[in-house]
Amino acid sequence: MCIAFFGNGFTSITWVFVSLLAPKRLIGIAGGTFNFIGGTASIIIPIVIGFLAKGGDFAPALTFITCITFAGALSYIFLVGKIERVQAFRSF
């Protein structure tokens, strides 16, 4: 449980990244996209876990969650990079 709460707290910090990385005039749409992806995951992941644990064995579901966790951690380590605001293109 301690590790789960730590992971939950760690993922909550991504809202800071949304406000830091999005161009100032596009923070709303960036936040909406962020919420859409999170909401989609909150629908799909329980369905996948239910399918994997259908026979009463939760080992495949735990393996799936472990893989998702490692993929998320590796994406933070290798993909995020330097955090700086994206400059929006000017429309003429």
Protein backbone atom coordinates (compact mmCIF):
# COMPACT_ATOMS: atom_id res chain seq x y z
CA MET A 1 0.00 0.00 0.00
CA CYS A 2 2.85 2.34 0.79
CA ILE A 3 4.32 1.91 -2.70
CA ALA A 4 0.88 2.42 -4.26
CA PHE A 5 0.33 5.69 -2.37
CA PHE A 6 3.82 6.85 -3.33
CA GLY A 7 3.06 6.11 -7.00
CA ASN A 8 -0.25 7.95 -6.75
CA GLY A 9 1.47 11.00 -5.31
CA PHE A 10 4.18 10.82 -7.95
CA THR A 11 1.67 10.76 -10.79
CA SER A 12 -0.29 13.67 -9.34
CA ILE A 13 2.69 15.93 -9.96
CA THR A 14 2.08 15.68 -13.71
CA TRP A 15 -0.52 18.47 -13.39
CA VAL A 16 2.40 20.76 -12.66
CA PHE A 17 3.93 19.70 -15.97
CA VAL A 18 0.72 20.53 -17.85
CA SER A 19 0.74 24.09 -16.57
CA LEU A 20 4.50 24.46 -17.10
CA LEU A 21 4.79 22.93 -20.56
CA ALA A 22 1.69 24.12 -22.37
CA PRO A 23 1.75 27.49 -24.10
CA LYS A 24 -0.06 30.07 -21.96
CA ARG A 25 -2.97 30.48 -24.37
CA LEU A 26 -3.42 26.70 -24.74
CA ILE A 27 -3.33 25.58 -21.10
CA GLY A 28 -7.07 24.81 -21.15
CA ILE A 29 -6.92 22.54 -24.17
CA ALA A 30 -3.76 20.86 -22.87
CA GLY A 31 -5.49 20.20 -19.53
CA GLY A 32 -8.58 18.89 -21.32
CA THR A 33 -6.48 16.51 -23.41
CA PHE A 34 -4.66 15.37 -20.28
CA ASN A 35 -8.01 14.68 -18.57
CA PHE A 36 -9.35 12.89 -21.65
CA ILE A 37 -6.40 10.49 -21.75
CA GLY A 38 -6.62 9.87 -18.00
CA GLY A 39 -10.36 9.28 -18.23
CA THR A 40 -9.92 6.89 -21.13
CA ALA A 41 -7.34 4.95 -19.14
CA SER A 42 -9.70 4.80 -16.16
CA ILE A 43 -12.25 3.10 -18.40
CA ILE A 44 -9.95 0.74 -20.32
CA ILE A 45 -7.65 -0.49 -17.54
CA PRO A 46 -10.41 -1.98 -15.31
CA ILE A 47 -11.88 -3.75 -18.33
CA VAL A 48 -8.48 -5.24 -19.20
CA ILE A 49 -7.88 -6.27 -15.59
CA GLY A 50 -11.34 -7.88 -15.43
CA PHE A 51 -10.61 -9.80 -18.61
CA LEU A 52 -7.19 -10.94 -17.32
CA ALA A 53 -8.56 -11.98 -13.90
CA LYS A 54 -11.70 -13.62 -15.32
CA GLY A 55 -10.62 -17.12 -14.28
CA GLY A 56 -9.93 -16.09 -10.67
CA ASP A 57 -6.16 -15.84 -11.11
CA PHE A 58 -4.89 -12.31 -10.54
CA ALA A 59 -1.28 -13.03 -11.55
CA PRO A 60 -1.77 -11.89 -15.18
CA ALA A 61 -3.50 -8.70 -14.01
CA LEU A 62 -0.68 -7.93 -11.56
CA THR A 63 1.88 -8.60 -14.29
CA PHE A 64 0.00 -6.21 -16.60
CA ILE A 65 -0.06 -3.45 -13.96
CA THR A 66 3.65 -4.03 -13.27
CA CYS A 67 4.44 -3.61 -16.97
CA ILE A 68 2.34 -0.44 -17.18
CA THR A 69 4.11 0.93 -14.10
CA PHE A 70 7.57 0.24 -15.52
CA ALA A 71 6.59 1.76 -18.86
CA GLY A 72 5.43 4.92 -17.06
CA ALA A 73 8.59 5.12 -14.97
CA LEU A 74 10.83 4.60 -18.01
CA SER A 75 8.94 7.26 -19.95
CA TYR A 76 9.58 9.76 -17.16
CA ILE A 77 13.25 8.82 -17.06
CA PHE A 78 13.99 8.70 -20.80
CA LEU A 79 11.28 10.71 -22.62
CA VAL A 80 10.39 13.72 -20.50
CA GLY A 81 13.75 15.52 -20.74
CA LYS A 82 14.18 19.17 -19.83
CA ILE A 83 11.02 20.86 -18.66
CA GLU A 84 10.39 24.18 -20.37
CA ARG A 85 7.33 25.91 -21.80
CA VAL A 86 6.52 25.15 -25.44
CA GLN A 87 6.31 28.28 -27.56
CA ALA A 88 3.05 28.51 -29.48
CA PHE A 89 3.05 29.32 -33.17
CA ARG A 90 1.72 32.73 -34.09
CA SER A 91 -1.22 32.72 -36.40
CA PHE A 92 -1.33 35.51 -38.99
